[in-house]
Amino acid sequence: MSSALGMAFATAACVIAPAAVGSESINPTSVMPPTGHGSLLQTEVSMSLVSRDLQILVTPLEESVIRVTAPDTENRLRGIAASHRASLPQGGQLFLVSFYTNQADVAFVPEEIQIIARELRVLPTGIAPVTPGWGQRRVLQRQTELAVYAFPSDINLESELVLVYGFERTNSWSNVLTRIQSERARARARASGTNEH
C-alpha cells in the first residue's frame, strides 16, 4: 500500500490556470467489465505528482476504475471505499490519497489536494483518514499516510482531470484514462473467454 507519489509544499493561495477538459465522454457503466478480470496495478490507474520530498498518489475508488485492477487490488480498494464511505458526505466521488517520502520527516497539507475539472478548481468535501498518523500532517521516512477523500459527484472520470497540490499540478490522468479504457476491453474479453490484445 506504500505506493510512490509526490508533492511540493506551497500555499493554496496561488492561482493556477485551469486546463482544458475533453468535451466528449462515454458512459463507463456500458463498458464496465465483470469483477475479477482486470490486471492493472494501483499505480497504473492513479494520478501521481512528485515534487521536492513528497510523492502523492490519487486513486479513484469508483467501480469504473477499480474493476480494471488485478483482483487483489480490486478487492482492497473496494474494501477501503466501503469502510470509509459512511464517514464522508453522501453521494461524493471517492479517491484514495497517499503521501509518501524517502526523507526523515516531511509535512503535508491535506486540504491542498484539489482537482481541476471542466476548467473549475474542485475542493474536497470531506477527508477520512485511513492511517492513524494522518492527523499529524507529517510523513515519516519511507512511510505512507493515506486518507479517503470525497469530491463532488459531478466530476467526470471519463474526461480530462488535473491534479493540483500547492503550486504543483499534473495532467497525467489523460494517459491513465487511455490505459483504463484499453484494459476494460481486455477484461471484458477475458471474462467472455476470448483473446484480445
Protein backbone atom coordinates (compact mmCIF):
# COMPACT_ATOMS: atom_id res chain seq x y z
CA MET A 1 0.00 0.00 0.00
CA SER A 2 3.09 2.21 0.14
CA SER A 3 2.75 3.42 -3.42
CA ALA A 4 5.01 6.17 -4.67
CA LEU A 5 3.62 9.63 -5.34
CA GLY A 6 4.78 13.13 -4.84
CA MET A 7 4.36 16.80 -3.96
CA ALA A 8 5.55 20.24 -3.24
CA PHE A 9 4.78 22.36 -0.19
CA ALA A 10 3.21 25.58 -1.08
CA THR A 11 0.33 27.71 -0.09
CA ALA A 12 -3.06 27.29 -1.65
CA ALA A 13 -3.14 31.00 -2.30
CA CYS A 14 -1.53 30.53 -5.69
CA VAL A 15 -3.62 30.83 -8.83
CA ILE A 16 -3.16 28.02 -11.31
CA ALA A 17 -4.59 28.35 -14.77
CA PRO A 18 -7.12 25.58 -15.43
CA ALA A 19 -6.53 23.04 -18.12
CA ALA A 20 -8.95 22.34 -20.92
CA VAL A 21 -11.29 19.42 -20.42
CA GLY A 22 -12.29 16.99 -23.12
CA SER A 23 -15.76 17.64 -24.42
CA GLU A 24 -16.60 14.03 -25.23
CA SER A 25 -17.09 11.28 -22.73
CA ILE A 26 -18.63 7.84 -22.54
CA ASN A 27 -20.83 6.12 -20.02
CA PRO A 28 -18.41 3.78 -18.21
CA THR A 29 -21.28 1.62 -16.96
CA SER A 30 -21.95 0.43 -20.50
CA VAL A 31 -18.37 -0.87 -20.95
CA MET A 32 -17.55 -1.94 -17.40
CA PRO A 33 -16.14 -5.49 -17.19
CA PRO A 34 -17.27 -8.02 -14.59
CA THR A 35 -15.31 -8.06 -11.36
CA GLY A 36 -12.17 -10.17 -11.08
CA HIS A 37 -10.87 -9.87 -14.64
CA GLY A 38 -8.64 -6.77 -14.51
CA SER A 39 -4.84 -6.87 -14.40
CA LEU A 40 -3.60 -3.35 -13.69
CA LEU A 41 -1.66 -2.19 -10.62
CA GLN A 42 -2.99 0.59 -8.42
CA THR A 43 -0.27 2.91 -9.69
CA GLU A 44 -1.46 2.30 -13.25
CA VAL A 45 -4.94 3.70 -12.51
CA SER A 46 -3.77 6.63 -10.37
CA MET A 47 -2.71 10.23 -10.83
CA SER A 48 0.79 10.83 -9.45
CA LEU A 49 2.53 14.05 -8.54
CA VAL A 50 6.16 14.37 -7.45
CA SER A 51 7.93 17.47 -6.22
CA ARG A 52 10.63 18.02 -3.64
CA ASP A 53 10.36 15.43 -0.88
CA LEU A 54 6.77 14.23 -1.20
CA GLN A 55 5.27 11.72 -3.56
CA ILE A 56 1.48 11.79 -3.97
CA LEU A 57 -0.78 9.16 -5.47
CA VAL A 58 -4.50 9.78 -6.05
CA THR A 59 -6.62 6.75 -6.96
CA PRO A 60 -10.31 6.94 -7.93
CA LEU A 61 -12.35 4.45 -5.91
CA GLU A 62 -15.18 4.21 -8.42
CA GLU A 63 -16.14 0.80 -9.84
CA SER A 64 -15.45 2.03 -13.37
CA VAL A 65 -11.79 2.31 -12.38
CA ILE A 66 -11.13 -0.35 -9.77
CA ARG A 67 -12.64 -3.16 -11.90
CA VAL A 68 -9.69 -2.96 -14.29
CA THR A 69 -7.19 -3.62 -11.49
CA ALA A 70 -5.90 -7.07 -10.54
CA PRO A 71 -8.32 -9.00 -8.28
CA ASP A 72 -6.37 -8.49 -5.04
CA THR A 73 -6.04 -4.76 -5.72
CA GLU A 74 -9.69 -4.52 -6.75
CA ASN A 75 -10.83 -6.15 -3.51
CA ARG A 76 -8.53 -4.00 -1.38
CA LEU A 77 -9.61 -0.71 -2.98
CA ARG A 78 -13.29 -1.66 -2.83
CA GLY A 79 -12.89 -2.55 0.85
CA ILE A 80 -11.24 0.79 1.63
CA ALA A 81 -14.07 2.65 -0.09
CA ALA A 82 -16.76 0.64 1.69
CA SER A 83 -15.24 1.07 5.14
CA HIS A 84 -14.93 4.86 4.87
CA ARG A 85 -17.94 5.84 2.76
CA ALA A 86 -20.25 6.26 5.76
CA SER A 87 -17.96 8.86 7.36
CA LEU A 88 -17.93 11.08 4.25
CA PRO A 89 -20.62 13.28 2.64
CA GLN A 90 -23.22 11.14 0.88
CA GLY A 91 -23.09 10.95 -2.87
CA GLY A 92 -19.49 12.11 -3.15
CA GLN A 93 -16.95 10.61 -5.52
CA LEU A 94 -14.22 8.88 -3.53
CA PHE A 95 -10.47 8.94 -4.07
CA LEU A 96 -7.68 7.28 -2.10
CA VAL A 97 -4.88 9.79 -1.46
CA SER A 98 -1.39 8.69 -0.40
CA PHE A 99 1.58 10.78 0.75
CA TYR A 100 4.99 9.12 0.81
CA THR A 101 8.56 10.33 1.40
CA ASN A 102 12.08 8.96 1.48
CA GLN A 103 13.14 11.78 3.81
CA ALA A 104 13.19 11.79 7.61
CA ASP A 105 10.13 13.91 8.38
CA VAL A 106 8.08 15.88 5.86
CA ALA A 107 4.97 17.98 6.43
CA PHE A 108 1.94 17.86 4.14
CA VAL A 109 -1.28 19.86 3.88
CA PRO A 110 -4.28 17.57 3.20
CA GLU A 111 -6.57 20.38 2.05
CA GLU A 112 -4.25 21.33 -0.80
CA ILE A 113 -5.21 18.23 -2.77
CA GLN A 114 -7.56 19.65 -5.40
CA ILE A 115 -8.81 18.68 -8.86
CA ILE A 116 -9.42 20.85 -11.91
CA ALA A 117 -12.41 19.53 -13.88
CA ARG A 118 -14.28 21.34 -16.64
CA GLU A 119 -11.91 24.28 -16.11
CA LEU A 120 -13.06 24.64 -12.49
CA ARG A 121 -10.99 24.01 -9.39
CA VAL A 122 -12.81 21.48 -7.20
CA LEU A 123 -12.13 21.17 -3.47
CA PRO A 124 -12.67 18.02 -1.39
CA THR A 125 -15.94 17.92 0.52
CA GLY A 126 -14.62 15.52 3.14
CA ILE A 127 -11.50 13.63 4.23
CA ALA A 128 -11.50 10.33 6.16
CA PRO A 129 -8.09 9.20 7.46
CA VAL A 130 -7.04 5.62 6.75
CA THR A 131 -3.70 5.54 8.59
CA PRO A 132 -3.54 6.55 12.28
CA GLY A 133 -0.77 9.11 11.73
CA TRP A 134 -2.72 11.18 9.20
CA GLY A 135 -3.77 13.79 11.76
CA GLN A 136 -0.13 14.65 12.48
CA ARG A 137 0.17 16.10 8.95
CA ARG A 138 3.67 14.69 8.67
CA VAL A 139 5.12 11.69 6.85
CA LEU A 140 7.97 9.76 8.42
CA GLN A 141 10.81 8.36 6.36
CA ARG A 142 9.70 5.59 3.98
CA GLN A 143 6.21 5.68 5.47
CA THR A 144 2.88 6.31 3.77
CA GLU A 145 -0.06 8.32 5.09
CA LEU A 146 -3.42 7.63 3.48
CA ALA A 147 -6.93 9.04 3.54
CA VAL A 148 -10.12 8.69 1.53
CA TYR A 149 -11.27 11.99 0.01
CA ALA A 150 -14.78 12.82 -1.13
CA PHE A 151 -15.19 15.16 -4.09
CA PRO A 152 -18.43 16.35 -5.73
CA SER A 153 -20.18 13.59 -7.64
CA ASP A 154 -20.24 15.52 -10.91
CA ILE A 155 -16.51 15.02 -11.53
CA ASN A 156 -16.39 13.08 -14.80
CA LEU A 157 -13.69 10.42 -14.67
CA GLU A 158 -14.10 9.86 -18.41
CA SER A 159 -12.76 13.33 -19.23
CA GLU A 160 -9.54 15.22 -18.58
CA LEU A 161 -8.71 15.98 -14.96
CA VAL A 162 -5.80 17.92 -13.48
CA LEU A 163 -4.45 17.04 -10.05
CA VAL A 164 -3.26 20.05 -8.02
CA TYR A 165 -1.22 20.24 -4.84
CA GLY A 166 0.09 23.62 -3.76
CA PHE A 167 1.97 25.15 -6.70
CA GLU A 168 2.27 21.77 -8.45
CA ARG A 169 -0.09 20.18 -10.94
CA THR A 170 -0.21 17.27 -13.36
CA ASN A 171 -2.50 16.25 -16.20
CA SER A 172 -1.36 12.62 -16.06
CA TRP A 173 -4.98 11.47 -15.90
CA SER A 174 -5.25 11.66 -19.70
CA ASN A 175 -2.72 8.84 -20.12
CA VAL A 176 -4.17 6.91 -17.20
CA LEU A 177 -7.68 7.10 -18.69
CA THR A 178 -6.44 5.73 -22.02
CA ARG A 179 -4.88 2.80 -20.17
CA ILE A 180 -8.09 2.17 -18.18
CA GLN A 181 -10.27 2.22 -21.29
CA SER A 182 -7.99 -0.25 -23.08
CA GLU A 183 -7.95 -2.57 -20.08
CA ARG A 184 -11.76 -2.53 -19.90
CA ALA A 185 -11.86 -4.08 -23.37
CA ARG A 186 -9.24 -6.67 -22.44
CA ALA A 187 -11.00 -7.53 -19.17
CA ARG A 188 -14.33 -7.99 -20.96
CA ALA A 189 -12.60 -10.27 -23.46
CA ARG A 190 -11.05 -12.32 -20.65
CA ALA A 191 -14.44 -12.58 -18.96
CA SER A 192 -16.05 -13.87 -22.14
CA GLY A 193 -13.24 -16.35 -22.76
CA THR A 194 -11.86 -14.67 -25.87
CA ASN A 195 -8.37 -13.32 -26.53
CA GLU A 196 -7.92 -9.60 -27.06
CA HIS A 197 -4.51 -7.93 -27.10
